């Protein structure tokens, strides 16, 4: 939902200004070229890699709860988990090509 995304982006921006949050040092190399140890040493937090991880992060996000309120927040989280479970029930073309070659 673009309206929810914009509301949360604005709230996060205002929180950053109000609390003088710093973004940290720039990363001047592709993360793909860094080892797990290098990523950990720089305290880099990775973004969610799939919808399940994103829904889990949204569920735990206190700012999202504040911005949306408990009812809208719960409905958004439930909707994303439902979407993930529906997606997970399907076999992708990649999975077919990768695994059916053995049969």
N, C-alpha and C. Protein backbone atom coordinates (compact mmCIF):
# COMPACT_ATOMS: atom_id res chain seq x y z
N UNK A 1 0.85 -1.18 0.00
CA UNK A 1 0.00 0.00 0.00
C UNK A 1 0.89 1.24 0.00
N UNK A 2 0.83 2.06 -1.03
CA UNK A 2 1.71 3.23 -1.10
C UNK A 2 1.43 4.26 0.00
N UNK A 3 0.18 4.35 0.46
CA UNK A 3 -0.14 5.31 1.51
C UNK A 3 0.51 4.90 2.83
N UNK A 4 0.47 3.60 3.12
CA UNK A 4 1.10 3.12 4.36
C UNK A 4 2.62 3.26 4.27
N UNK A 5 3.17 2.97 3.11
CA UNK A 5 4.62 3.11 2.92
C UNK A 5 5.05 4.57 3.10
N UNK A 6 4.29 5.48 2.53
CA UNK A 6 4.63 6.90 2.66
C UNK A 6 4.48 7.38 4.11
N UNK A 7 3.44 6.94 4.79
CA UNK A 7 3.24 7.34 6.19
C UNK A 7 4.40 6.86 7.05
N UNK A 8 4.83 5.62 6.85
CA UNK A 8 5.92 5.07 7.65
C UNK A 8 7.25 5.73 7.29
N UNK A 9 7.46 6.03 6.01
CA UNK A 9 8.68 6.72 5.59
C UNK A 9 8.76 8.11 6.21
N UNK A 10 7.64 8.83 6.21
CA UNK A 10 7.61 10.16 6.82
C UNK A 10 7.85 10.08 8.32
N UNK A 11 7.23 9.12 8.98
CA UNK A 11 7.41 8.97 10.42
C UNK A 11 8.86 8.62 10.76
N UNK A 12 9.47 7.74 9.97
CA UNK A 12 10.87 7.37 10.21
C UNK A 12 11.78 8.58 9.98
N UNK A 13 11.49 9.37 8.96
CA UNK A 13 12.28 10.57 8.69
C UNK A 13 12.19 11.55 9.85
N UNK A 14 10.98 11.78 10.32
CA UNK A 14 10.78 12.70 11.46
C UNK A 14 11.47 12.18 12.72
N UNK A 15 11.40 10.87 12.94
CA UNK A 15 12.07 10.28 14.09
C UNK A 15 13.59 10.49 13.99
N UNK A 16 14.14 10.31 12.79
CA UNK A 16 15.57 10.51 12.58
C UNK A 16 16.00 11.93 12.87
N UNK A 17 15.22 12.90 12.43
CA UNK A 17 15.54 14.31 12.68
C UNK A 17 15.38 14.62 14.17
N UNK A 18 14.26 14.20 14.76
CA UNK A 18 13.99 14.49 16.17
C UNK A 18 15.05 13.90 17.09
N UNK A 19 15.45 12.65 16.81
CA UNK A 19 16.39 11.95 17.69
C UNK A 19 17.84 12.07 17.22
N UNK A 20 18.07 12.89 16.17
CA UNK A 20 19.41 13.08 15.61
C UNK A 20 20.09 11.75 15.31
N UNK A 21 19.36 10.85 14.67
CA UNK A 21 19.91 9.54 14.32
C UNK A 21 20.90 9.69 13.18
N UNK A 22 21.98 8.95 13.26
CA UNK A 22 23.01 9.00 12.24
C UNK A 22 22.94 7.73 11.39
N UNK A 23 23.11 7.85 10.08
CA UNK A 23 22.99 6.67 9.20
C UNK A 23 24.19 5.74 9.26
N UNK A 24 25.28 6.17 9.86
CA UNK A 24 26.48 5.35 9.90
C UNK A 24 27.39 5.67 8.73
N UNK A 25 28.53 5.02 8.72
CA UNK A 25 29.52 5.25 7.67
C UNK A 25 29.03 4.66 6.35
N UNK A 26 29.39 5.31 5.25
CA UNK A 26 29.03 4.74 3.94
C UNK A 26 29.79 3.44 3.70
N UNK A 27 29.19 2.56 2.96
CA UNK A 27 29.83 1.30 2.58
C UNK A 27 30.27 1.45 1.14
N UNK A 28 31.58 1.37 0.92
CA UNK A 28 32.13 1.67 -0.40
C UNK A 28 32.46 0.44 -1.24
N UNK A 29 32.03 -0.72 -0.78
CA UNK A 29 32.22 -1.95 -1.56
C UNK A 29 30.89 -2.71 -1.61
N UNK A 30 30.66 -3.45 -2.68
CA UNK A 30 29.41 -4.22 -2.75
C UNK A 30 29.33 -5.25 -1.61
N UNK A 31 28.19 -5.32 -0.98
CA UNK A 31 28.02 -6.31 0.10
C UNK A 31 28.25 -7.73 -0.40
N UNK A 32 27.96 -7.98 -1.66
CA UNK A 32 28.15 -9.32 -2.21
C UNK A 32 29.61 -9.74 -2.19
N UNK A 33 30.53 -8.76 -2.19
CA UNK A 33 31.95 -9.06 -2.17
C UNK A 33 32.50 -9.22 -0.76
N UNK A 34 31.68 -8.94 0.25
CA UNK A 34 32.13 -9.01 1.64
C UNK A 34 31.81 -10.37 2.23
N UNK A 35 32.71 -10.87 3.06
CA UNK A 35 32.45 -12.12 3.76
C UNK A 35 31.48 -11.85 4.91
N UNK A 36 30.92 -12.90 5.45
CA UNK A 36 30.01 -12.76 6.61
C UNK A 36 30.74 -12.11 7.78
N UNK A 37 32.03 -12.42 7.93
CA UNK A 37 32.82 -11.85 9.02
C UNK A 37 33.00 -10.34 8.84
N UNK A 38 33.24 -9.91 7.58
CA UNK A 38 33.39 -8.48 7.31
C UNK A 38 32.09 -7.73 7.56
N UNK A 39 30.99 -8.33 7.16
CA UNK A 39 29.67 -7.72 7.39
C UNK A 39 29.44 -7.57 8.89
N UNK A 40 29.73 -8.61 9.65
CA UNK A 40 29.55 -8.57 11.11
C UNK A 40 30.48 -7.55 11.75
N UNK A 41 31.73 -7.48 11.29
CA UNK A 41 32.70 -6.54 11.86
C UNK A 41 32.26 -5.10 11.67
N UNK A 42 31.58 -4.82 10.58
CA UNK A 42 31.09 -3.45 10.33
C UNK A 42 29.71 -3.21 10.93
N UNK A 43 29.15 -4.21 11.60
CA UNK A 43 27.81 -4.11 12.22
C UNK A 43 26.74 -3.75 11.19
N UNK A 44 26.86 -4.33 10.00
CA UNK A 44 25.89 -4.07 8.94
C UNK A 44 24.69 -4.99 9.14
N UNK A 45 23.52 -4.39 9.16
CA UNK A 45 22.29 -5.17 9.25
C UNK A 45 21.72 -5.33 7.85
N UNK A 46 21.48 -6.56 7.46
CA UNK A 46 20.93 -6.82 6.13
C UNK A 46 19.42 -6.58 6.13
N UNK A 47 18.94 -6.17 4.97
CA UNK A 47 17.50 -6.03 4.79
C UNK A 47 16.87 -7.42 4.69
N UNK A 48 15.57 -7.53 4.94
CA UNK A 48 14.92 -8.84 4.78
C UNK A 48 15.14 -9.39 3.38
N UNK A 49 15.35 -10.71 3.29
CA UNK A 49 15.63 -11.34 2.00
C UNK A 49 14.39 -11.90 1.33
N UNK A 50 13.28 -11.96 2.05
CA UNK A 50 12.05 -12.46 1.45
C UNK A 50 10.87 -11.87 2.21
N UNK A 51 9.68 -12.16 1.74
CA UNK A 51 8.48 -11.59 2.33
C UNK A 51 8.27 -12.06 3.77
N UNK A 52 8.65 -13.30 4.08
CA UNK A 52 8.50 -13.79 5.45
C UNK A 52 9.35 -12.96 6.41
N UNK A 53 10.62 -12.73 6.05
CA UNK A 53 11.50 -11.93 6.91
C UNK A 53 10.99 -10.49 7.02
N UNK A 54 10.46 -9.95 5.92
CA UNK A 54 9.92 -8.58 5.95
C UNK A 54 8.68 -8.51 6.85
N UNK A 55 7.81 -9.49 6.77
CA UNK A 55 6.61 -9.50 7.62
C UNK A 55 7.00 -9.65 9.08
N UNK A 56 8.01 -10.46 9.35
CA UNK A 56 8.48 -10.63 10.73
C UNK A 56 9.05 -9.31 11.26
N UNK A 57 9.82 -8.60 10.42
CA UNK A 57 10.37 -7.30 10.83
C UNK A 57 9.24 -6.29 11.07
N UNK A 58 8.24 -6.28 10.20
CA UNK A 58 7.10 -5.38 10.38
C UNK A 58 6.36 -5.69 11.68
N UNK A 59 6.21 -6.95 11.97
CA UNK A 59 5.51 -7.38 13.19
C UNK A 59 6.21 -6.85 14.45
N UNK A 60 7.54 -6.78 14.42
CA UNK A 60 8.33 -6.35 15.58
C UNK A 60 8.56 -4.84 15.62
N UNK A 61 8.22 -4.13 14.56
CA UNK A 61 8.57 -2.72 14.44
C UNK A 61 7.65 -1.83 15.28
N UNK A 62 8.23 -1.20 16.30
CA UNK A 62 7.44 -0.36 17.19
C UNK A 62 6.97 0.93 16.52
N UNK A 63 7.77 1.48 15.61
CA UNK A 63 7.34 2.68 14.91
C UNK A 63 6.13 2.39 14.03
N UNK A 64 6.13 1.25 13.36
CA UNK A 64 4.98 0.87 12.53
C UNK A 64 3.74 0.72 13.40
N UNK A 65 3.90 0.15 14.57
CA UNK A 65 2.77 0.01 15.50
C UNK A 65 2.23 1.38 15.91
N UNK A 66 3.14 2.32 16.19
CA UNK A 66 2.72 3.68 16.56
C UNK A 66 2.00 4.37 15.41
N UNK A 67 2.56 4.28 14.22
CA UNK A 67 2.02 4.99 13.06
C UNK A 67 0.67 4.43 12.64
N UNK A 68 0.56 3.11 12.57
CA UNK A 68 -0.66 2.48 12.06
C UNK A 68 -1.71 2.23 13.14
N UNK A 69 -1.29 2.16 14.38
CA UNK A 69 -2.20 1.78 15.44
C UNK A 69 -2.30 0.25 15.50
N UNK A 70 -2.76 -0.28 16.62
CA UNK A 70 -2.74 -1.74 16.80
C UNK A 70 -3.58 -2.52 15.80
N UNK A 71 -4.74 -2.01 15.44
CA UNK A 71 -5.61 -2.75 14.53
C UNK A 71 -5.04 -2.80 13.12
N UNK A 72 -4.67 -1.63 12.56
CA UNK A 72 -4.12 -1.58 11.20
C UNK A 72 -2.79 -2.33 11.13
N UNK A 73 -1.97 -2.20 12.16
CA UNK A 73 -0.69 -2.89 12.20
C UNK A 73 -0.91 -4.40 12.17
N UNK A 74 -1.80 -4.90 13.01
CA UNK A 74 -2.08 -6.34 13.05
C UNK A 74 -2.61 -6.84 11.72
N UNK A 75 -3.50 -6.06 11.09
CA UNK A 75 -4.06 -6.46 9.80
C UNK A 75 -2.99 -6.47 8.70
N UNK A 76 -2.09 -5.48 8.72
CA UNK A 76 -1.02 -5.44 7.72
C UNK A 76 -0.09 -6.64 7.88
N UNK A 77 0.28 -6.93 9.12
CA UNK A 77 1.17 -8.07 9.39
C UNK A 77 0.49 -9.37 8.97
N UNK A 78 -0.76 -9.54 9.36
CA UNK A 78 -1.50 -10.76 9.01
C UNK A 78 -1.60 -10.91 7.49
N UNK A 79 -1.88 -9.80 6.80
CA UNK A 79 -1.99 -9.85 5.35
C UNK A 79 -0.69 -10.28 4.68
N UNK A 80 0.44 -9.80 5.18
CA UNK A 80 1.73 -10.16 4.58
C UNK A 80 2.10 -11.61 4.88
N UNK A 81 1.80 -12.08 6.10
CA UNK A 81 2.05 -13.49 6.40
C UNK A 81 1.15 -14.39 5.55
N UNK A 82 -0.11 -14.00 5.38
CA UNK A 82 -1.02 -14.77 4.52
C UNK A 82 -0.49 -14.83 3.09
N UNK A 83 0.01 -13.69 2.59
CA UNK A 83 0.57 -13.64 1.24
C UNK A 83 1.77 -14.58 1.12
N UNK A 84 2.64 -14.57 2.14
CA UNK A 84 3.81 -15.45 2.13
C UNK A 84 3.40 -16.92 2.11
N UNK A 85 2.42 -17.28 2.93
CA UNK A 85 2.00 -18.69 2.99
C UNK A 85 1.38 -19.13 1.66
N UNK A 86 0.61 -18.24 1.02
CA UNK A 86 0.06 -18.58 -0.30
C UNK A 86 1.18 -18.77 -1.32
N UNK A 87 2.17 -17.89 -1.29
CA UNK A 87 3.31 -18.01 -2.20
C UNK A 87 4.05 -19.32 -1.95
N UNK A 88 4.25 -19.67 -0.70
CA UNK A 88 5.01 -20.87 -0.33
C UNK A 88 4.36 -22.17 -0.78
N UNK A 89 3.09 -22.14 -1.10
CA UNK A 89 2.39 -23.34 -1.53
C UNK A 89 2.66 -23.69 -2.99
N UNK A 90 3.36 -22.84 -3.71
CA UNK A 90 3.57 -23.04 -5.14
C UNK A 90 5.01 -23.42 -5.45
N UNK A 91 5.16 -24.28 -6.42
CA UNK A 91 6.48 -24.68 -6.89
C UNK A 91 6.86 -23.75 -8.05
N UNK A 92 8.00 -23.11 -7.93
CA UNK A 92 8.41 -22.16 -8.96
C UNK A 92 9.05 -22.88 -10.14
N UNK A 93 9.18 -22.15 -11.25
CA UNK A 93 9.84 -22.72 -12.42
C UNK A 93 11.29 -23.07 -12.10
N UNK A 94 11.96 -22.25 -11.32
CA UNK A 94 13.34 -22.53 -10.93
C UNK A 94 13.43 -23.85 -10.16
N UNK A 95 12.52 -24.06 -9.21
CA UNK A 95 12.53 -25.30 -8.44
C UNK A 95 12.30 -26.51 -9.35
N UNK A 96 11.40 -26.37 -10.29
CA UNK A 96 11.15 -27.47 -11.22
C UNK A 96 12.41 -27.78 -12.03
N UNK A 97 13.04 -26.74 -12.57
CA UNK A 97 14.24 -26.95 -13.39
C UNK A 97 15.39 -27.49 -12.55
N UNK A 98 15.51 -27.03 -11.34
CA UNK A 98 16.62 -27.42 -10.46
C UNK A 98 16.50 -28.85 -9.95
N UNK A 99 15.28 -29.26 -9.58
CA UNK A 99 15.13 -30.53 -8.87
C UNK A 99 14.53 -31.66 -9.71
N UNK A 100 13.70 -31.33 -10.71
CA UNK A 100 13.08 -32.41 -11.49
C UNK A 100 14.08 -33.08 -12.43
N UNK A 101 15.23 -32.48 -12.63
CA UNK A 101 16.23 -33.09 -13.48
C UNK A 101 16.74 -34.41 -12.90
N UNK A 102 16.51 -34.64 -11.64
CA UNK A 102 17.00 -35.85 -10.99
C UNK A 102 16.02 -37.03 -11.12
N UNK A 103 14.87 -36.76 -11.69
CA UNK A 103 13.85 -37.82 -11.79
C UNK A 103 13.59 -38.22 -13.22
